[in-house]
């Protein structure tokens, strides 16, 4: 249940931040009349994501056991690939996400209402489809009734509340650290989902090696015990995995975690000193004229950094605060 709560929280918060950025930008720039198309796109994305999850759940129930295992295993691998790409993408582009969305929103406004709906739909729909797929595969892996689904729903509700608090400026947390730690935990969860996905393919006879097992500690960690249930729910732990499951789990987790947690070297873009006075901020975006890592020349000729807190990627300010 905790693993699915984490999935719902992490994925839902990303979608909530996207919505907050879009809405806050339109409100701050005095274009409230453009909000209905944005909300239409967001609502459509949510409905499509829910329909996709329902189709996976009810559609797979009509299949034979072998087909269910093959579908579950294949989609588990796809889901792990998407989530892995997502956590690395967010780690790399989080500090530029705000400016990127502002640019797309301006272009959509210039093109018309339809483009605005499509832009907001795509911005939220990608997160929604990834969330539906990963939650479905995680629920299949845990096989613990409705508790995983309840955990995912609670995570999504929590992310919605946090998104609203960000927009109101009532909550300040370090988003860079938040996404780093939750991303690392998602990598651990994804490793378990991937291993279980390969086990499903073995059950479907698509892959060999279902026997013999790598080890069997069912007597030490019974699957129906509270700690067995906890390990299963958090890490997708299986007391009797196959050799292929253990190999896949280790080959995914070790290099992925190393690459994700290693310190990244991000070079700040430098601006050549100019005798001309710096451009004054516009009324639409008071901070738009101060790019990340911009360098200004002091009166004595020395260079000083002028970097906004948000451009540093600290995320220690509310998303809706533009001024």
Protein backbone atom coordinates (compact mmCIF):
# COMPACT_ATOMS: atom_id res chain seq x y z
CA UNK A 1 0.00 0.00 0.00
CA UNK A 2 2.86 2.40 0.82
CA UNK A 3 4.52 1.81 -2.55
CA UNK A 4 1.30 2.67 -4.37
CA UNK A 5 0.79 5.71 -2.13
CA UNK A 6 4.27 6.85 -3.13
CA UNK A 7 3.47 6.33 -6.81
CA UNK A 8 0.24 8.32 -6.54
CA UNK A 9 1.95 11.08 -4.52
CA UNK A 10 4.95 11.47 -6.79
CA UNK A 11 3.14 11.25 -10.12
CA UNK A 12 0.16 13.25 -8.90
CA UNK A 13 2.35 16.03 -7.52
CA UNK A 14 4.08 16.44 -10.87
CA UNK A 15 0.70 16.86 -12.56
CA UNK A 16 -0.44 19.24 -9.80
CA UNK A 17 2.66 21.40 -10.25
CA UNK A 18 2.04 21.59 -13.99
CA UNK A 19 -1.53 22.77 -13.38
CA UNK A 20 -0.36 25.28 -10.75
CA UNK A 21 2.21 26.76 -13.12
CA UNK A 22 -0.31 27.10 -15.97
CA UNK A 23 -3.04 28.63 -13.80
CA UNK A 24 -0.71 30.95 -11.86
CA UNK A 25 0.82 32.29 -15.06
CA UNK A 26 -2.55 33.14 -16.57
CA UNK A 27 -3.77 34.77 -13.34
CA UNK A 28 -0.60 36.81 -12.84
CA UNK A 29 -0.62 38.07 -16.42
CA UNK A 30 -4.28 39.09 -16.28
CA UNK A 31 -5.59 36.46 -18.70
CA UNK A 32 -8.21 34.79 -16.54
CA UNK A 33 -10.46 34.45 -19.58
CA UNK A 34 -8.07 31.73 -20.81
CA UNK A 35 -8.59 29.57 -17.70
CA UNK A 36 -11.70 27.64 -18.94
CA UNK A 37 -9.83 26.07 -21.91
CA UNK A 38 -6.99 25.10 -19.57
CA UNK A 39 -9.37 23.44 -17.11
CA UNK A 40 -11.12 21.70 -20.03
CA UNK A 41 -7.81 20.22 -21.14
CA UNK A 42 -6.89 19.19 -17.59
CA UNK A 43 -10.28 17.58 -16.98
CA UNK A 44 -10.12 15.72 -20.30
CA UNK A 45 -6.66 14.39 -19.43
CA UNK A 46 -7.91 13.12 -16.06
CA UNK A 47 -10.89 11.37 -17.66
CA UNK A 48 -8.74 9.75 -20.36
CA UNK A 49 -6.27 8.52 -17.72
CA UNK A 50 -9.06 7.02 -15.62
CA UNK A 51 -10.59 5.37 -18.69
CA UNK A 52 -7.20 3.93 -19.61
CA UNK A 53 -6.79 2.44 -16.12
CA UNK A 54 -10.32 1.01 -16.20
CA UNK A 55 -9.71 -0.51 -19.64
CA UNK A 56 -6.56 -2.21 -18.35
CA UNK A 57 -8.35 -3.60 -15.30
CA UNK A 58 -11.59 -4.80 -16.86
CA UNK A 59 -10.12 -5.72 -20.22
CA UNK A 60 -7.47 -7.98 -18.73
CA UNK A 61 -10.04 -9.79 -16.56
CA UNK A 62 -11.61 -11.28 -19.70
CA UNK A 63 -8.36 -12.90 -20.82
CA UNK A 64 -7.11 -16.41 -20.13
CA UNK A 65 -4.54 -16.94 -17.38
CA UNK A 66 -1.67 -17.20 -19.85
CA UNK A 67 -2.78 -14.06 -21.70
CA UNK A 68 -3.18 -12.17 -18.41
CA UNK A 69 0.35 -13.10 -17.34
CA UNK A 70 1.78 -12.16 -20.73
CA UNK A 71 -0.06 -8.83 -20.76
CA UNK A 72 0.87 -8.02 -17.17
CA UNK A 73 4.52 -8.89 -17.70
CA UNK A 74 4.80 -6.88 -20.93
CA UNK A 75 3.08 -3.81 -19.49
CA UNK A 76 5.23 -4.02 -16.34
CA UNK A 77 8.36 -3.69 -18.46
CA UNK A 78 6.83 -0.78 -20.40
CA UNK A 79 5.74 0.93 -17.17
CA UNK A 80 9.19 0.60 -15.61
CA UNK A 81 10.75 2.08 -18.73
CA UNK A 82 8.37 5.06 -18.68
CA UNK A 83 8.81 5.71 -14.95
CA UNK A 84 12.60 5.45 -15.22
CA UNK A 85 12.60 7.97 -18.06
CA UNK A 86 10.27 10.21 -16.05
CA UNK A 87 12.39 10.37 -12.88
CA UNK A 88 15.55 11.14 -14.88
CA UNK A 89 13.69 13.73 -16.99
CA UNK A 90 12.34 15.49 -13.91
CA UNK A 91 15.77 15.48 -12.26
CA UNK A 92 17.31 17.07 -15.34
CA UNK A 93 14.64 19.61 -16.31
CA UNK A 94 12.82 20.51 -13.09
CA UNK A 95 14.54 23.88 -12.81
CA UNK A 96 13.51 24.82 -16.35
CA UNK A 97 9.98 23.38 -16.25
CA UNK A 98 8.34 26.68 -15.34
CA UNK A 99 9.87 28.65 -18.21
CA UNK A 100 9.18 25.82 -20.65
CA UNK A 101 5.49 25.68 -19.75
CA UNK A 102 5.20 29.48 -19.92
CA UNK A 103 6.61 29.43 -23.44
CA UNK A 104 4.23 26.70 -24.60
CA UNK A 105 1.30 28.51 -23.01
CA UNK A 106 2.13 31.80 -24.76
CA UNK A 107 2.39 29.98 -28.09
CA UNK A 108 -0.94 28.22 -27.50
CA UNK A 109 -2.69 31.48 -26.60
CA UNK A 110 -1.42 33.03 -29.83
CA UNK A 111 -2.78 30.08 -31.85
CA UNK A 112 -6.25 30.04 -30.29
CA UNK A 113 -8.51 28.31 -27.77
CA UNK A 114 -8.14 24.85 -29.31
CA UNK A 115 -4.37 24.96 -29.00
CA UNK A 116 -4.72 26.01 -25.35
CA UNK A 117 -6.92 22.98 -24.62
CA UNK A 118 -4.49 20.64 -26.39
CA UNK A 119 -1.47 22.11 -24.57
CA UNK A 120 -2.96 21.64 -21.11
CA UNK A 121 -4.29 18.19 -22.08
CA UNK A 122 -0.86 16.99 -23.21
CA UNK A 123 0.93 18.53 -20.23
CA UNK A 124 -1.27 16.66 -17.74
CA UNK A 125 -2.25 13.65 -19.87
CA UNK A 126 1.29 12.32 -20.11
CA UNK A 127 1.57 12.19 -16.34
CA UNK A 128 -1.91 10.71 -16.03
CA UNK A 129 -1.31 7.86 -18.47
CA UNK A 130 2.03 7.00 -16.86
CA UNK A 131 0.36 7.02 -13.44
CA UNK A 132 -2.48 4.74 -14.56
CA UNK A 133 -0.12 2.24 -16.17
CA UNK A 134 2.38 2.12 -13.31
CA UNK A 135 -0.30 1.90 -10.63
CA UNK A 136 -2.02 -0.92 -12.52
CA UNK A 137 1.19 -2.92 -12.90
CA UNK A 138 2.12 -2.29 -9.25
CA UNK A 139 -1.33 -3.48 -8.12
CA UNK A 140 -0.94 -6.65 -10.20
CA UNK A 141 2.47 -7.26 -8.66
CA UNK A 142 1.32 -6.95 -5.05
CA UNK A 143 -1.89 -9.00 -5.47
CA UNK A 144 -3.23 -7.61 -2.19
CA UNK A 145 -6.87 -6.88 -2.97
CA UNK A 146 -8.00 -3.26 -3.06
CA UNK A 147 -5.42 -1.95 -0.56
CA UNK A 148 -2.86 -0.98 -3.24
CA UNK A 149 -5.57 0.93 -5.12
CA UNK A 150 -6.61 2.69 -1.91
CA UNK A 151 -2.99 3.68 -1.32
CA UNK A 152 -2.70 5.08 -4.84
CA UNK A 153 -5.92 7.10 -4.47
CA UNK A 154 -4.74 8.51 -1.13
CA UNK A 155 -1.45 9.50 -2.75
CA UNK A 156 -3.27 11.29 -5.58
CA UNK A 157 -5.52 13.12 -3.12
CA UNK A 158 -2.50 14.17 -1.07
CA UNK A 159 -0.79 15.49 -4.19
CA UNK A 160 -3.90 17.49 -5.11
CA UNK A 161 -3.96 19.11 -1.64
CA UNK A 162 -0.23 19.87 -1.82
CA UNK A 163 -0.68 21.39 -5.27
CA UNK A 164 -3.41 23.68 -3.99
CA UNK A 165 -1.24 24.72 -1.02
CA UNK A 166 1.64 25.48 -3.40
CA UNK A 167 -0.62 27.66 -5.50
CA UNK A 168 -1.90 29.56 -2.46
CA UNK A 169 1.66 30.07 -1.23
CA UNK A 170 0.88 28.31 2.04
CA UNK A 171 3.51 25.58 1.63
CA UNK A 172 7.24 25.85 1.03
CA UNK A 173 9.39 22.76 0.60
CA UNK A 174 12.58 21.97 -1.25
CA UNK A 175 11.16 20.42 -4.40
CA UNK A 176 14.59 19.43 -5.72
CA UNK A 177 15.26 17.26 -2.69
CA UNK A 178 11.69 15.98 -2.65
CA UNK A 179 11.87 14.74 -6.23
CA UNK A 180 15.35 13.31 -5.68
CA UNK A 181 14.35 11.18 -2.68
CA UNK A 182 10.96 10.12 -4.02
CA UNK A 183 12.62 9.36 -7.36
CA UNK A 184 15.15 7.11 -5.62
CA UNK A 185 12.34 5.29 -3.80
CA UNK A 186 10.44 4.89 -7.07
CA UNK A 187 13.52 3.29 -8.62
CA UNK A 188 13.42 0.67 -5.83
CA UNK A 189 9.70 0.11 -6.42
CA UNK A 190 10.28 -0.11 -10.17
CA UNK A 191 12.95 -2.76 -9.67
CA UNK A 192 10.42 -4.94 -7.86
CA UNK A 193 7.76 -4.34 -10.54
CA UNK A 194 10.28 -5.22 -13.25
CA UNK A 195 11.28 -8.46 -11.51
CA UNK A 196 7.63 -9.41 -11.06
CA UNK A 197 6.96 -8.58 -14.70
CA UNK A 198 9.62 -11.07 -15.78
CA UNK A 199 8.05 -13.61 -13.42
CA UNK A 200 4.71 -13.06 -15.19
CA UNK A 201 6.38 -13.74 -18.54
CA UNK A 202 7.81 -16.94 -17.06
CA UNK A 203 4.33 -17.91 -15.87
CA UNK A 204 3.06 -17.31 -19.40
CA UNK A 205 5.86 -19.58 -20.73
CA UNK A 206 7.27 -16.70 -22.74
CA UNK A 207 10.54 -17.01 -20.81
CA UNK A 208 12.19 -20.12 -19.37
CA UNK A 209 13.63 -20.60 -15.90
CA UNK A 210 10.54 -20.79 -13.69
CA UNK A 211 12.32 -23.62 -11.87
CA UNK A 212 14.57 -23.92 -9.92
CA UNK A 213 14.17 -20.94 -7.61
CA UNK A 214 17.10 -18.79 -6.53
CA UNK A 215 16.12 -19.26 -2.87
CA UNK A 216 13.06 -19.90 -0.75
CA UNK A 217 12.72 -18.21 2.64
CA UNK A 218 8.97 -18.60 2.93
CA UNK A 219 9.44 -20.25 6.33
CA UNK A 220 11.39 -17.23 7.59
CA UNK A 221 9.29 -14.56 5.89
CA UNK A 222 5.78 -15.98 5.41
CA UNK A 223 3.86 -14.21 2.67
CA UNK A 224 0.80 -13.82 4.92
CA UNK A 225 2.73 -12.36 7.89
CA UNK A 226 2.58 -8.65 8.67
CA UNK A 227 6.24 -8.15 7.80
CA UNK A 228 5.92 -10.28 4.67
CA UNK A 229 2.95 -8.15 3.60
CA UNK A 230 4.91 -4.98 4.40
CA UNK A 231 7.93 -6.07 2.35
CA UNK A 232 5.64 -7.13 -0.48
CA UNK A 233 3.74 -3.86 -0.46
CA UNK A 234 6.78 -1.57 -0.24
CA UNK A 235 9.47 -3.40 -2.21
CA UNK A 236 7.46 -6.05 -4.12
CA UNK A 237 9.56 -8.56 -2.19
CA UNK A 238 9.03 -12.23 -3.04
CA UNK A 239 10.37 -14.92 -0.65
CA UNK A 240 10.85 -17.46 -3.45
CA UNK A 241 12.08 -15.65 -6.59
CA UNK A 242 13.53 -17.28 -9.68
CA UNK A 243 17.12 -16.73 -10.77
CA UNK A 244 15.89 -14.54 -13.63
CA UNK A 245 13.97 -12.30 -11.21
CA UNK A 246 17.00 -11.83 -8.96
CA UNK A 247 19.27 -11.12 -11.94
CA UNK A 248 16.88 -8.61 -13.53
CA UNK A 249 16.29 -6.87 -10.17
CA UNK A 250 20.03 -6.45 -9.51
CA UNK A 251 20.94 -5.44 -13.08
CA UNK A 252 18.27 -2.74 -13.06
CA UNK A 253 18.57 -1.39 -9.52
CA UNK A 254 22.35 -1.03 -9.15
CA UNK A 255 23.23 0.99 -12.29
CA UNK A 256 19.95 2.96 -12.32
CA UNK A 257 20.33 4.07 -8.71
CA UNK A 258 24.00 4.96 -9.27
CA UNK A 259 23.22 7.09 -12.34
CA UNK A 260 20.25 8.74 -10.65
CA UNK A 261 22.01 9.71 -7.40
CA UNK A 262 25.40 10.69 -8.77
CA UNK A 263 26.05 14.45 -8.56
CA UNK A 264 25.17 16.17 -11.79
CA UNK A 265 27.29 18.97 -13.21
CA UNK A 266 25.01 21.57 -14.69
CA UNK A 267 26.80 24.45 -16.35
CA UNK A 268 25.07 27.79 -15.85
CA UNK A 269 24.66 29.71 -19.11
CA UNK A 270 26.90 32.76 -19.10
CA UNK A 271 25.92 36.11 -20.57
CA UNK A 272 28.67 38.25 -22.02
CA UNK A 273 29.11 41.57 -20.18
CA UNK A 274 27.64 44.48 -22.04
CA UNK A 275 27.78 48.20 -21.51
CA UNK A 276 24.10 48.39 -22.20
CA UNK A 277 21.79 48.57 -19.21
CA UNK A 278 20.06 45.33 -18.30
CA UNK A 279 16.57 44.92 -19.63
CA UNK A 280 13.90 45.91 -17.15
CA UNK A 281 11.41 43.21 -16.13
CA UNK A 282 8.15 43.26 -18.02
CA UNK A 283 4.79 43.59 -16.34
CA UNK A 284 3.78 40.13 -17.53
CA UNK A 285 6.60 38.32 -15.75
CA UNK A 286 8.61 40.39 -13.25
CA UNK A 287 11.37 37.76 -13.17
CA UNK A 288 11.53 36.86 -16.84
CA UNK A 289 14.37 39.28 -17.50
CA UNK A 290 16.66 37.52 -15.01
CA UNK A 291 17.66 34.21 -16.63
CA UNK A 292 19.12 31.36 -14.62
CA UNK A 293 22.83 31.85 -14.08
CA UNK A 294 22.87 35.33 -15.67
CA UNK A 295 25.97 37.39 -14.75
CA UNK A 296 25.92 41.15 -14.40
CA UNK A 297 28.93 43.45 -14.28
CA UNK A 298 29.47 45.54 -11.16
CA UNK A 299 30.56 49.15 -11.26
CA UNK A 300 34.11 48.08 -10.40
CA UNK A 301 34.23 45.61 -13.27
CA UNK A 302 33.77 42.48 -11.14
CA UNK A 303 31.25 39.83 -12.05
CA UNK A 304 28.45 38.83 -9.72
CA UNK A 305 25.85 36.11 -10.11
CA UNK A 306 22.18 37.05 -10.20
CA UNK A 307 20.26 33.84 -9.90
CA UNK A 308 16.71 33.55 -8.78
CA UNK A 309 15.94 31.02 -6.10
CA UNK A 310 13.65 29.18 -8.46
CA UNK A 311 16.30 29.07 -11.20
CA UNK A 312 18.70 27.36 -8.79
CA UNK A 313 16.23 24.50 -8.65
CA UNK A 314 15.87 24.75 -4.87
CA UNK A 315 12.13 24.92 -5.20
CA UNK A 316 11.96 26.65 -1.83
CA UNK A 317 9.32 29.11 -2.99
CA UNK A 318 5.67 28.52 -3.87
CA UNK A 319 4.96 27.74 -7.50
CA UNK A 320 2.40 30.47 -7.91
CA UNK A 321 4.67 33.24 -6.69
CA UNK A 322 5.78 35.10 -9.77
CA UNK A 323 6.53 38.49 -8.26
